Amino acid sequence: MPLGRWVLEAACRAAVTWPQPCRVSVNVSPRQFVGGTFADTVAEVLARTGLPGDRLELEVTETALMHDAEQVHGILQSLNAMGVRLALDDFGTGYSSLSYLQRFPFDSVKIDRSFIQSLADRDSDGARAIVGAILAMSHRLGLQVTAEGVETEAQLSMLRLYNCDLVQGFLLARPMRLEQVPGYLAARQARQSDSHLADAVADAVADAVE
C-alpha cells in the first residue's frame, strides 16, 4: 500500500510539469481498493501535487472488480466525480469484462497486447475479428479504446482501419528515464505542429487551385 501511494504521487508530481493536455496513466493494484479509502488517497495526492483530476488516468484490472464489487463501484464513482479517467486494463482476457463495462463507470478500455501482436499476420482472422468487435462495441458504449503492445507499422495501419482511438507500444517509444520525457513530448508536439502546418498549406493550395 505505501508503495502504491508513492508510485501514484511520483507519477502525478512528474505529470504536473508536462505540457497540457498530457495525461499520465497509473496502474492500480487490486489491494489498493481494500479498505475503501483509495478515493481519499487519490484526492490527497492530487491536492498535494496540484495535478488536475482530468490529467490522471487509473488503469484497473478485472481482478480488482471481483472482490466486494459494491465497494469498488463506490470508489470508482468517487474517482469519476473528481474528473479522474478510469480505464479497464487487459480487456479481452478476463471472464466477465462485458458486464463490467456496463456496470462500472469506465471511460476507456485497453485491448490486451496478446490480440495486437498477431493482428497483421496472414492467419490472424480471429485476432482481427476480436479487435474489430471490441472497438465497435466500445464506441457504441461511448468508450475510448487504447491498443497495447503496438510494435510494427503493419499493426498500426490495421488499427487505423478500425478507427482505434489511441495506441501504445515500442513503435512509438521505448521506456525512458523521467528527465527524458519533457524532451520527448516537446519533439512530438513539434512534429504534430509541422504536420498541421503541412495540412493547412495543402488545403490552402487546393483552395487556390479551385
Protein backbone atom coordinates (compact mmCIF):
# COMPACT_ATOMS: atom_id res chain seq x y z
CA MET A 1 0.00 0.00 0.00
CA PRO A 2 2.75 2.57 0.79
CA LEU A 3 4.47 1.66 -2.48
CA GLY A 4 1.22 2.14 -4.43
CA ARG A 5 0.76 5.60 -2.93
CA TRP A 6 4.38 6.52 -3.66
CA VAL A 7 4.03 5.45 -7.32
CA LEU A 8 0.82 7.45 -7.70
CA GLU A 9 2.30 10.59 -6.12
CA ALA A 10 5.56 10.34 -8.08
CA ALA A 11 3.65 10.00 -11.36
CA CYS A 12 1.35 12.94 -10.60
CA ARG A 13 4.23 15.13 -9.43
CA ALA A 14 6.04 14.49 -12.71
CA ALA A 15 2.97 14.92 -14.91
CA VAL A 16 2.07 18.32 -13.48
CA THR A 17 5.25 19.68 -15.11
CA TRP A 18 4.33 18.32 -18.56
CA PRO A 19 2.55 20.49 -21.14
CA GLN A 20 -1.22 20.35 -21.20
CA PRO A 21 -3.24 18.34 -22.07
CA CYS A 22 -0.80 15.45 -21.44
CA ARG A 23 -2.20 12.83 -19.07
CA VAL A 24 -0.40 10.22 -17.02
CA SER A 25 -1.74 6.68 -16.64
CA VAL A 26 -1.06 4.73 -13.45
CA ASN A 27 -1.74 1.04 -12.90
CA VAL A 28 -3.69 0.32 -9.73
CA SER A 29 -3.23 -2.85 -7.70
CA PRO A 30 -6.39 -4.67 -6.56
CA ARG A 31 -5.07 -4.39 -2.99
CA GLN A 32 -5.36 -0.61 -3.15
CA PHE A 33 -9.14 -0.96 -3.19
CA VAL A 34 -9.16 -2.90 0.08
CA GLY A 35 -10.44 -0.80 2.96
CA GLY A 36 -12.42 1.64 0.84
CA THR A 37 -10.08 4.64 1.29
CA PHE A 38 -8.43 4.68 -2.12
CA ALA A 39 -10.53 7.59 -3.44
CA ASP A 40 -9.44 9.67 -0.43
CA THR A 41 -5.81 8.77 -1.17
CA VAL A 42 -6.15 9.92 -4.78
CA ALA A 43 -7.81 13.17 -3.70
CA GLU A 44 -4.95 13.85 -1.27
CA VAL A 45 -2.31 13.12 -3.92
CA LEU A 46 -3.98 15.41 -6.47
CA ALA A 47 -4.18 18.19 -3.88
CA ARG A 48 -0.54 17.74 -2.83
CA THR A 49 0.84 17.68 -6.37
CA GLY A 50 -1.54 20.18 -7.99
CA LEU A 51 -2.38 17.84 -10.88
CA PRO A 52 -5.94 18.36 -12.19
CA GLY A 53 -8.04 15.23 -11.90
CA ASP A 54 -8.72 15.08 -15.63
CA ARG A 55 -4.99 14.67 -16.32
CA LEU A 56 -4.83 11.42 -14.36
CA GLU A 57 -5.98 8.05 -15.68
CA LEU A 58 -6.10 4.99 -13.45
CA GLU A 59 -5.83 1.57 -15.08
CA VAL A 60 -7.85 -1.07 -13.28
CA THR A 61 -7.76 -4.80 -14.00
CA GLU A 62 -10.77 -7.07 -13.78
CA THR A 63 -9.28 -8.72 -10.70
CA ALA A 64 -9.87 -5.53 -8.72
CA LEU A 65 -13.56 -5.63 -9.59
CA MET A 66 -14.15 -9.21 -8.46
CA HIS A 67 -13.81 -8.57 -4.71
CA ASP A 68 -16.50 -6.54 -2.93
CA ALA A 69 -17.88 -5.15 -6.16
CA GLU A 70 -20.22 -2.71 -4.39
CA GLN A 71 -17.36 -1.07 -2.52
CA VAL A 72 -15.22 -0.86 -5.64
CA HIS A 73 -18.14 0.62 -7.55
CA GLY A 74 -18.47 3.37 -4.94
CA ILE A 75 -14.74 4.11 -5.10
CA LEU A 76 -14.79 4.34 -8.90
CA GLN A 77 -17.78 6.67 -8.79
CA SER A 78 -15.94 8.93 -6.35
CA LEU A 79 -12.89 8.97 -8.62
CA ASN A 80 -15.09 9.72 -11.61
CA ALA A 81 -16.59 12.68 -9.74
CA MET A 82 -13.06 14.10 -9.33
CA GLY A 83 -12.63 14.04 -13.09
CA VAL A 84 -10.16 11.14 -12.94
CA ARG A 85 -10.35 8.91 -16.01
CA LEU A 86 -10.83 5.18 -15.49
CA ALA A 87 -9.56 2.52 -17.88
CA LEU A 88 -10.31 -1.21 -17.82
CA ASP A 89 -6.91 -2.76 -18.45
CA ASP A 90 -6.07 -6.01 -20.31
CA PHE A 91 -9.54 -6.11 -21.85
CA GLY A 92 -10.47 -9.38 -23.52
CA THR A 93 -8.51 -11.70 -21.26
CA GLY A 94 -10.91 -11.93 -18.30
CA TYR A 95 -14.19 -13.72 -17.67
CA SER A 96 -16.80 -11.01 -17.11
CA SER A 97 -15.46 -7.90 -18.84
CA LEU A 98 -18.65 -7.26 -20.79
CA SER A 99 -20.78 -6.96 -17.65
CA TYR A 100 -18.15 -4.76 -16.03
CA LEU A 101 -18.30 -2.30 -18.93
CA GLN A 102 -22.00 -1.86 -18.31
CA ARG A 103 -21.81 -1.81 -14.53
CA PHE A 104 -18.77 0.33 -13.72
CA PRO A 105 -18.09 3.97 -14.77
CA PHE A 106 -15.17 3.38 -17.12
CA ASP A 107 -14.07 5.95 -19.68
CA SER A 108 -11.94 3.63 -21.78
CA VAL A 109 -10.76 0.08 -22.36
CA LYS A 110 -7.28 -1.16 -23.22
CA ILE A 111 -7.10 -4.08 -25.64
CA ASP A 112 -4.62 -6.63 -24.36
CA ARG A 113 -1.38 -6.85 -26.34
CA SER A 114 -1.92 -10.57 -27.00
CA PHE A 115 -4.55 -9.64 -29.61
CA ILE A 116 -2.44 -6.87 -31.14
CA GLN A 117 0.73 -8.94 -31.60
CA SER A 118 -0.82 -11.16 -34.28
CA LEU A 119 -3.14 -8.55 -35.76
CA ALA A 120 -1.26 -8.14 -39.05
CA ASP A 121 -0.37 -11.82 -39.56
CA ARG A 122 -1.84 -13.61 -42.55
CA ASP A 123 -3.64 -16.16 -40.37
CA SER A 124 -4.94 -13.63 -37.83
CA ASP A 125 -8.61 -13.63 -38.79
CA GLY A 126 -9.54 -14.43 -35.18
CA ALA A 127 -7.49 -11.58 -33.71
CA ARG A 128 -8.85 -9.12 -36.28
CA ALA A 129 -12.42 -10.19 -35.55
CA ILE A 130 -11.94 -9.76 -31.80
CA VAL A 131 -10.21 -6.38 -32.10
CA GLY A 132 -12.85 -5.13 -34.53
CA ALA A 133 -15.65 -6.32 -32.25
CA ILE A 134 -14.10 -4.69 -29.16
CA LEU A 135 -13.70 -1.39 -30.97
CA ALA A 136 -17.21 -1.40 -32.42
CA MET A 137 -18.81 -2.34 -29.10
CA SER A 138 -16.75 0.14 -27.06
CA HIS A 139 -17.51 3.01 -29.42
CA ARG A 140 -21.21 2.21 -29.26
CA LEU A 141 -20.91 2.46 -25.46
CA GLY A 142 -19.13 5.81 -25.76
CA LEU A 143 -15.79 4.42 -24.57
CA GLN A 144 -12.36 5.30 -25.88
CA VAL A 145 -10.10 2.40 -26.89
CA THR A 146 -6.33 2.03 -26.48
CA ALA A 147 -4.43 -0.78 -28.20
CA GLU A 148 -1.49 -2.08 -26.16
CA GLY A 149 1.75 -3.53 -27.48
CA VAL A 150 1.90 -1.88 -30.92
CA GLU A 151 5.34 -2.70 -32.32
CA THR A 152 5.05 -2.58 -36.13
CA GLU A 153 3.75 -0.22 -38.80
CA ALA A 154 1.54 -3.04 -40.09
CA GLN A 155 -0.21 -3.30 -36.71
CA LEU A 156 -0.65 0.47 -36.58
CA SER A 157 -2.09 0.57 -40.10
CA MET A 158 -4.60 -2.15 -39.22
CA LEU A 159 -5.68 -0.28 -36.07
CA ARG A 160 -6.16 2.90 -38.11
CA LEU A 161 -8.50 0.98 -40.40
CA TYR A 162 -10.52 0.02 -37.32
CA ASN A 163 -10.54 3.66 -36.10
CA CYS A 164 -8.73 2.83 -32.88
CA ASP A 165 -8.52 5.94 -30.68
CA LEU A 166 -5.10 5.52 -29.04
CA VAL A 167 -2.11 3.21 -29.29
CA GLN A 168 0.87 2.47 -27.11
CA GLY A 169 3.94 0.35 -27.64
CA PHE A 170 7.58 0.20 -28.69
CA LEU A 171 6.72 1.55 -32.16
CA LEU A 172 6.06 4.93 -30.54
CA ALA A 173 8.61 4.94 -27.73
CA ARG A 174 10.71 2.73 -25.51
CA PRO A 175 10.69 3.12 -21.73
CA MET A 176 12.69 6.21 -20.80
CA ARG A 177 14.04 7.99 -17.77
CA LEU A 178 11.91 10.70 -16.20
CA GLU A 179 14.23 13.52 -17.26
CA GLN A 180 13.90 12.42 -20.91
CA VAL A 181 10.13 12.78 -21.00
CA PRO A 182 9.86 16.59 -21.45
CA GLY A 183 12.16 16.49 -24.47
CA TYR A 184 10.22 13.59 -25.96
CA LEU A 185 6.91 15.41 -25.50
CA ALA A 186 8.31 18.62 -26.99
CA ALA A 187 9.59 16.75 -30.04
CA ARG A 188 6.22 15.07 -30.57
CA GLN A 189 4.39 18.39 -30.27
CA ALA A 190 6.77 19.94 -32.82
CA ARG A 191 6.14 17.09 -35.28
CA GLN A 192 2.39 17.46 -34.80
CA SER A 193 2.64 21.22 -35.38
CA ASP A 194 4.62 20.62 -38.58
CA SER A 195 2.02 18.09 -39.69
CA HIS A 196 -0.86 20.51 -39.02
CA LEU A 197 1.01 23.27 -40.86
CA ALA A 198 1.58 20.97 -43.85
CA ASP A 199 -2.13 20.08 -43.88
CA ALA A 200 -3.08 23.77 -43.73
CA VAL A 201 -0.73 24.61 -46.61
CA ALA A 202 -2.11 21.73 -48.66
CA ASP A 203 -5.68 22.93 -48.02
CA ALA A 204 -4.73 26.48 -48.98
CA VAL A 205 -3.10 25.29 -52.22
CA ALA A 206 -6.14 23.17 -53.01
CA ASP A 207 -8.45 26.16 -52.43
CA ALA A 208 -6.23 28.35 -54.66
CA VAL A 209 -6.30 25.78 -57.45
CA GLU A 210 -10.08 25.54 -57.24
